[in-house]
Amino acid sequence: MRKQTGKTEMIKLSSVTLCALLTLGATAAVARDCGPDALGVSRTIAIGPKGTAVGLQSYPRTLDLQDHEVVLTFDDGPAEPTARVLDALAKECALATFFVIGRNAEETPALVRREAAEGHSIGYHSYSHPANTLRLMYDDAAKADIEKGVAAVEKASGGKSAPFFRFPGFADTPELVSYLEGKGFTIFGSDLWASDWSPMAPKAELDLVMSRLEKAGKGIVLFHDSKAQTAAMLPDFLTALKSRGYKLVHIVPGAGETPVVDAGPDWTSTTEPIIAKTLAGKVKGAAAGDGHGHSHGDQ
């Protein structure tokens, strides 16, 4: 592991403090705003400072969740639908993790501050969400985009962001994974996704994600708070979680070991074939583009 810089050590220290603040904030929110029928948060998992990568769609390990436990994550915000996503979560005293695009944080810092104030964890999703993905950028350019995104989100959140990172389109590289892990970042893939980059009615999205969750039984779920259909679907999704006995788990930075479980010898990446197909024929070192590309595919 690379030697930690002074800045990284400061980030780690503030992350431990943030863990305590988020936990206290979540408890206060449930007691103040929500009735006994609210979904709430069943438990909190502390993510340790030693860098790792989790999420079975991309990595051969994931968080050690119990049956019917769910971690909610949202990518690509803040955007216009983000406020409605936050409203839905607040009504159920539910907490999530937002992987924020740095450029969007600069444009709408008030929403990032609201996420932090309401007890959500705030991670990073690069600065520009390059259309050709970080994988096709030269390492120095990709690292610069990542660091610029970290700085922008830290500033917008008032220093309340967490050392959590998700690659745009899940398109990582071994070098960038090692770089982030060496800085103490936990890299999050997902265990299942809602495919909400594809246009569909909110009811269709709800049926799709619930069918996948019922099959998996638990997991880190990926949504996009930039999608109006997801904002419209979310209240019914949270209701469905309650009615089907699912429990919400919130992730925060902590000082111990991250509880993970290995996938086993038969694990294969579900994202890698999609990424390879999406990026086929594109050239390493291509310009970042307009930042709106996705390589999740049409699943």
Protein backbone atom coordinates (compact mmCIF):
# COMPACT_ATOMS: atom_id res chain seq x y z
CA MET A 1 0.00 0.00 0.00
CA ARG A 2 1.28 3.45 -0.78
CA LYS A 3 2.43 5.77 1.97
CA GLN A 4 -0.47 7.91 3.10
CA THR A 5 -0.20 11.62 2.46
CA GLY A 6 -1.01 14.14 5.14
CA LYS A 7 -4.20 15.04 3.31
CA THR A 8 -5.34 11.42 3.23
CA GLU A 9 -4.69 11.04 6.95
CA MET A 10 -6.83 14.10 7.58
CA ILE A 11 -9.58 12.61 5.44
CA LYS A 12 -9.44 9.39 7.47
CA LEU A 13 -9.63 11.27 10.76
CA SER A 14 -12.60 13.31 9.62
CA SER A 15 -14.24 10.12 8.34
CA VAL A 16 -14.17 8.54 11.80
CA THR A 17 -15.75 11.67 13.22
CA LEU A 18 -18.32 11.63 10.44
CA CYS A 19 -19.24 8.05 11.34
CA ALA A 20 -20.28 9.11 14.81
CA LEU A 21 -22.12 12.18 13.57
CA LEU A 22 -24.07 10.25 10.94
CA THR A 23 -25.06 7.57 13.42
CA LEU A 24 -26.28 10.15 15.93
CA GLY A 25 -28.02 12.10 13.17
CA ALA A 26 -29.84 9.01 11.92
CA THR A 27 -31.08 8.15 15.41
CA ALA A 28 -32.29 11.67 15.99
CA ALA A 29 -34.10 11.75 12.65
CA VAL A 30 -36.02 8.55 13.39
CA ALA A 31 -37.01 9.75 16.84
CA ARG A 32 -38.07 13.18 15.66
CA ASP A 33 -39.75 12.69 12.32
CA CYS A 34 -40.94 9.14 11.80
CA GLY A 35 -43.62 6.95 13.31
CA PRO A 36 -43.26 3.32 14.33
CA ASP A 37 -44.19 2.09 10.84
CA ALA A 38 -41.32 3.87 9.10
CA LEU A 39 -38.71 1.74 7.37
CA GLY A 40 -35.85 3.43 9.18
CA VAL A 41 -32.36 1.97 9.41
CA SER A 42 -31.93 -1.49 10.92
CA ARG A 43 -28.20 -1.19 11.52
CA THR A 44 -25.09 0.70 10.47
CA ILE A 45 -21.98 -0.88 8.96
CA ALA A 46 -18.68 0.90 9.52
CA ILE A 47 -16.43 0.82 6.47
CA GLY A 48 -12.80 0.62 7.57
CA PRO A 49 -9.96 2.85 6.38
CA LYS A 50 -8.08 0.06 4.59
CA GLY A 51 -8.91 0.34 0.90
CA THR A 52 -10.89 -2.47 -0.68
CA ALA A 53 -13.42 -3.08 -3.45
CA VAL A 54 -16.87 -4.60 -2.93
CA GLY A 55 -19.97 -5.45 -4.95
CA LEU A 56 -20.49 -8.82 -6.59
CA GLN A 57 -21.30 -7.50 -10.03
CA SER A 58 -17.73 -6.23 -10.36
CA TYR A 59 -15.63 -7.71 -7.54
CA PRO A 60 -15.28 -11.17 -5.93
CA ARG A 61 -16.42 -9.93 -2.53
CA THR A 62 -19.17 -7.82 -1.05
CA LEU A 63 -20.37 -6.48 2.27
CA ASP A 64 -21.26 -9.13 4.83
CA LEU A 65 -25.00 -8.56 4.81
CA GLN A 66 -27.58 -10.77 6.45
CA ASP A 67 -30.52 -12.19 4.54
CA HIS A 68 -33.02 -9.47 3.54
CA GLU A 69 -30.60 -6.62 4.28
CA VAL A 70 -30.31 -3.86 1.69
CA VAL A 71 -27.86 -0.99 1.17
CA LEU A 72 -29.28 1.83 -0.95
CA THR A 73 -26.94 3.74 -3.27
CA PHE A 74 -27.60 6.48 -5.79
CA ASP A 75 -25.33 7.69 -8.60
CA ASP A 76 -24.91 10.73 -10.85
CA GLY A 77 -26.46 13.48 -8.75
CA PRO A 78 -27.20 15.95 -7.62
CA ALA A 79 -29.79 16.65 -10.28
CA GLU A 80 -33.37 17.91 -10.51
CA PRO A 81 -34.95 14.66 -9.22
CA THR A 82 -32.57 14.45 -6.23
CA ALA A 83 -34.80 16.58 -4.00
CA ARG A 84 -37.71 14.18 -4.54
CA VAL A 85 -35.45 11.23 -3.78
CA LEU A 86 -34.43 12.91 -0.53
CA ASP A 87 -38.07 13.66 0.31
CA ALA A 88 -39.00 9.99 -0.12
CA LEU A 89 -36.10 8.82 2.02
CA ALA A 90 -36.83 11.38 4.73
CA LYS A 91 -40.47 10.29 4.96
CA GLU A 92 -39.31 6.77 5.84
CA CYS A 93 -36.26 7.87 7.89
CA ALA A 94 -34.23 5.86 5.38
CA LEU A 95 -30.55 6.55 4.79
CA ALA A 96 -28.59 6.00 1.59
CA THR A 97 -25.20 6.64 0.04
CA PHE A 98 -24.93 9.13 -2.81
CA PHE A 99 -22.04 8.81 -5.28
CA VAL A 100 -21.81 12.39 -6.47
CA ILE A 101 -20.38 13.74 -9.72
CA GLY A 102 -18.03 16.59 -8.89
CA ARG A 103 -19.23 18.86 -11.67
CA ASN A 104 -22.82 18.44 -10.49
CA ALA A 105 -21.78 19.19 -6.90
CA GLU A 106 -20.27 22.47 -8.08
CA GLU A 107 -23.49 23.37 -9.89
CA THR A 108 -25.89 22.38 -7.09
CA PRO A 109 -24.02 22.44 -3.77
CA ALA A 110 -27.19 23.03 -1.76
CA LEU A 111 -28.42 19.53 -2.53
CA VAL A 112 -25.11 18.01 -1.46
CA ARG A 113 -25.31 19.94 1.79
CA ARG A 114 -28.85 18.69 2.27
CA GLU A 115 -27.72 15.08 1.76
CA ALA A 116 -25.09 15.55 4.44
CA ALA A 117 -27.44 17.37 6.83
CA GLU A 118 -30.01 14.59 6.59
CA GLY A 119 -27.48 11.92 7.54
CA HIS A 120 -26.75 10.32 4.18
CA SER A 121 -23.25 9.22 3.24
CA ILE A 122 -21.66 11.06 0.35
CA GLY A 123 -19.12 9.38 -1.90
CA TYR A 124 -17.42 10.21 -5.17
CA HIS A 125 -18.21 9.37 -8.79
CA SER A 126 -15.42 11.26 -10.62
CA TYR A 127 -15.57 14.92 -11.65
CA SER A 128 -16.92 14.66 -15.18
CA HIS A 129 -18.39 11.14 -15.49
CA PRO A 130 -16.47 10.85 -18.77
CA ALA A 131 -18.49 9.44 -21.64
CA ASN A 132 -15.61 7.21 -22.68
CA THR A 133 -15.05 6.14 -19.04
CA LEU A 134 -11.99 6.51 -16.84
CA ARG A 135 -10.74 3.22 -18.30
CA LEU A 136 -10.05 4.83 -21.66
CA MET A 137 -8.30 7.87 -20.22
CA TYR A 138 -4.56 7.86 -19.63
CA ASP A 139 -3.79 7.19 -15.97
CA ASP A 140 -2.68 10.74 -15.17
CA ALA A 141 -5.81 12.22 -16.73
CA ALA A 142 -8.06 9.72 -14.98
CA LYS A 143 -6.44 10.39 -11.62
CA ALA A 144 -6.79 14.13 -12.17
CA ASP A 145 -10.51 13.71 -12.91
CA ILE A 146 -10.94 11.59 -9.77
CA GLU A 147 -9.07 14.06 -7.55
CA LYS A 148 -10.90 17.05 -9.00
CA GLY A 149 -14.17 15.27 -8.24
CA VAL A 150 -13.07 14.55 -4.67
CA ALA A 151 -12.19 18.20 -4.13
CA ALA A 152 -15.47 19.44 -5.58
CA VAL A 153 -17.62 17.10 -3.49
CA GLU A 154 -15.64 17.79 -0.32
CA LYS A 155 -16.17 21.51 -0.84
CA ALA A 156 -19.87 21.20 -1.64
CA SER A 157 -20.51 18.93 1.36
CA GLY A 158 -18.59 21.11 3.77
CA GLY A 159 -16.03 18.36 4.35
CA LYS A 160 -18.67 15.74 5.20
CA SER A 161 -17.99 13.35 2.33
CA ALA A 162 -16.72 9.80 2.87
CA PRO A 163 -13.79 7.91 1.27
CA PHE A 164 -16.17 5.89 -0.91
CA PHE A 165 -15.78 5.77 -4.69
CA ARG A 166 -17.75 4.23 -7.53
CA PHE A 167 -16.34 4.08 -11.04
CA PRO A 168 -18.58 5.60 -13.71
CA GLY A 169 -20.00 2.69 -15.65
CA PHE A 170 -18.04 0.38 -13.31
CA ALA A 171 -15.18 0.75 -15.82
CA ASP A 172 -12.16 0.52 -13.53
CA THR A 173 -8.58 -0.50 -14.25
CA PRO A 174 -6.18 -2.42 -11.98
CA GLU A 175 -3.98 0.67 -11.78
CA LEU A 176 -6.80 2.97 -10.72
CA VAL A 177 -8.15 0.43 -8.23
CA SER A 178 -4.69 0.16 -6.67
CA TYR A 179 -4.35 3.95 -6.65
CA LEU A 180 -7.64 4.46 -4.81
CA GLU A 181 -7.14 1.59 -2.39
CA GLY A 182 -3.71 2.98 -1.58
CA LYS A 183 -5.38 6.21 -0.54
CA GLY A 184 -7.77 4.36 1.76
CA PHE A 185 -10.84 4.50 -0.49
CA THR A 186 -13.41 1.74 -0.52
CA ILE A 187 -14.54 1.14 -4.10
CA PHE A 188 -18.19 0.23 -4.44
CA GLY A 189 -19.65 -1.79 -7.25
CA SER A 190 -23.13 -3.14 -6.62
CA ASP A 191 -24.83 -6.47 -6.07
CA LEU A 192 -27.82 -5.61 -8.23
CA TRP A 193 -29.11 -2.65 -10.15
CA ALA A 194 -32.42 -1.20 -11.25
CA SER A 195 -31.38 -0.57 -14.88
CA ASP A 196 -32.86 2.90 -14.48
CA TRP A 197 -30.60 4.31 -17.19
CA SER A 198 -33.15 2.71 -19.54
CA PRO A 199 -36.42 4.62 -19.91
CA MET A 200 -39.32 2.79 -18.29
CA ALA A 201 -42.42 3.50 -16.26
CA PRO A 202 -41.91 3.74 -12.48
CA LYS A 203 -44.04 0.61 -11.97
CA ALA A 204 -41.91 -1.35 -14.45
CA GLU A 205 -38.75 -0.23 -12.66
CA LEU A 206 -40.23 -1.23 -9.31
CA ASP A 207 -41.20 -4.68 -10.58
CA LEU A 208 -37.76 -5.18 -12.15
CA VAL A 209 -35.68 -4.21 -9.12
CA MET A 210 -37.90 -6.11 -6.70
CA SER A 211 -37.66 -9.25 -8.82
CA ARG A 212 -33.88 -8.97 -8.80
CA LEU A 213 -33.82 -8.32 -5.07
CA GLU A 214 -36.09 -11.28 -4.37
CA LYS A 215 -33.71 -13.47 -6.37
CA ALA A 216 -30.58 -12.15 -4.66
CA GLY A 217 -32.14 -12.01 -1.19
CA LYS A 218 -29.99 -9.03 -0.12
CA GLY A 219 -27.38 -6.66 -1.44
CA ILE A 220 -26.03 -3.28 -2.43
CA VAL A 221 -28.63 -1.80 -4.79
CA LEU A 222 -27.76 0.78 -7.45
CA PHE A 223 -30.14 3.56 -8.47
CA HIS A 224 -29.60 6.96 -10.10
CA ASP A 225 -30.99 10.03 -8.35
CA SER A 226 -30.66 11.83 -11.68
CA LYS A 227 -33.62 9.84 -13.07
CA ALA A 228 -37.17 11.16 -12.66
CA GLN A 229 -38.62 7.66 -13.01
CA THR A 230 -36.55 6.52 -10.01
CA ALA A 231 -37.69 9.47 -7.91
CA ALA A 232 -41.29 8.61 -8.78
CA MET A 233 -40.77 4.91 -8.03
CA LEU A 234 -38.89 5.29 -4.74
CA PRO A 235 -41.83 5.71 -2.31
CA ASP A 236 -43.37 2.47 -3.55
CA PHE A 237 -39.97 0.73 -3.42
CA LEU A 238 -39.50 1.68 0.23
CA THR A 239 -43.02 0.48 0.98
CA ALA A 240 -42.28 -2.80 -0.79
CA LEU A 241 -39.13 -3.26 1.30
CA LYS A 242 -41.18 -2.91 4.48
CA SER A 243 -43.97 -5.19 3.36
CA ARG A 244 -41.57 -7.95 2.28
CA GLY A 245 -39.49 -7.88 5.42
CA TYR A 246 -36.34 -6.20 4.12
CA LYS A 247 -34.13 -4.22 6.49
CA LEU A 248 -32.15 -1.14 5.56
CA VAL A 249 -28.41 -0.99 6.33
CA HIS A 250 -26.50 2.28 6.21
CA ILE A 251 -22.78 2.47 5.47
CA VAL A 252 -20.50 5.03 7.12
CA PRO A 253 -16.74 5.48 7.49
CA GLY A 254 -15.22 3.78 10.52
CA ALA A 255 -11.96 2.76 12.14
CA GLY A 256 -12.12 -1.05 12.09
CA GLU A 257 -12.11 -3.75 9.44
CA THR A 258 -14.77 -3.60 6.74
CA PRO A 259 -16.99 -6.70 7.11
CA VAL A 260 -16.80 -8.48 3.77
CA VAL A 261 -17.59 -11.94 2.47
CA ASP A 262 -15.85 -13.59 -0.48
CA ALA A 263 -17.88 -14.76 -3.44
CA GLY A 264 -16.18 -18.11 -3.80
CA PRO A 265 -14.33 -19.85 -6.64
CA ASP A 266 -17.22 -19.79 -9.12
CA TRP A 267 -17.52 -15.99 -9.15
CA THR A 268 -17.45 -14.16 -12.47
CA SER A 269 -17.94 -10.48 -13.21
CA THR A 270 -21.30 -9.57 -14.72
CA THR A 271 -20.18 -6.04 -15.56
CA GLU A 272 -16.96 -6.81 -17.42
CA PRO A 273 -18.55 -8.33 -20.57
CA ILE A 274 -20.90 -5.35 -20.78
CA ILE A 275 -18.07 -2.85 -20.37
CA ALA A 276 -15.94 -4.64 -22.95
CA LYS A 277 -18.79 -4.61 -25.45
CA THR A 278 -19.56 -0.96 -24.81
CA LEU A 279 -15.96 0.16 -25.18
CA ALA A 280 -15.10 -2.05 -28.14
CA GLY A 281 -13.34 -0.06 -30.83
CA LYS A 282 -12.79 3.01 -28.67
CA VAL A 283 -9.27 4.34 -28.29
CA LYS A 284 -7.29 4.71 -25.07
CA GLY A 285 -6.69 8.36 -24.31
CA ALA A 286 -9.90 9.56 -25.94
CA ALA A 287 -11.31 12.84 -24.73
CA ALA A 288 -13.60 12.73 -21.73
CA GLY A 289 -16.63 13.79 -23.75
CA ASP A 290 -19.80 15.32 -22.33
CA GLY A 291 -19.94 13.30 -19.15
CA HIS A 292 -23.27 11.64 -19.82
CA GLY A 293 -22.14 8.25 -21.10
CA HIS A 294 -22.92 4.99 -19.31
CA SER A 295 -21.50 1.56 -19.89
CA HIS A 296 -23.88 -0.42 -17.71
CA GLY A 297 -25.58 -1.84 -20.78
CA ASP A 298 -29.28 -2.52 -21.20
CA GLN A 299 -29.80 -5.12 -18.51
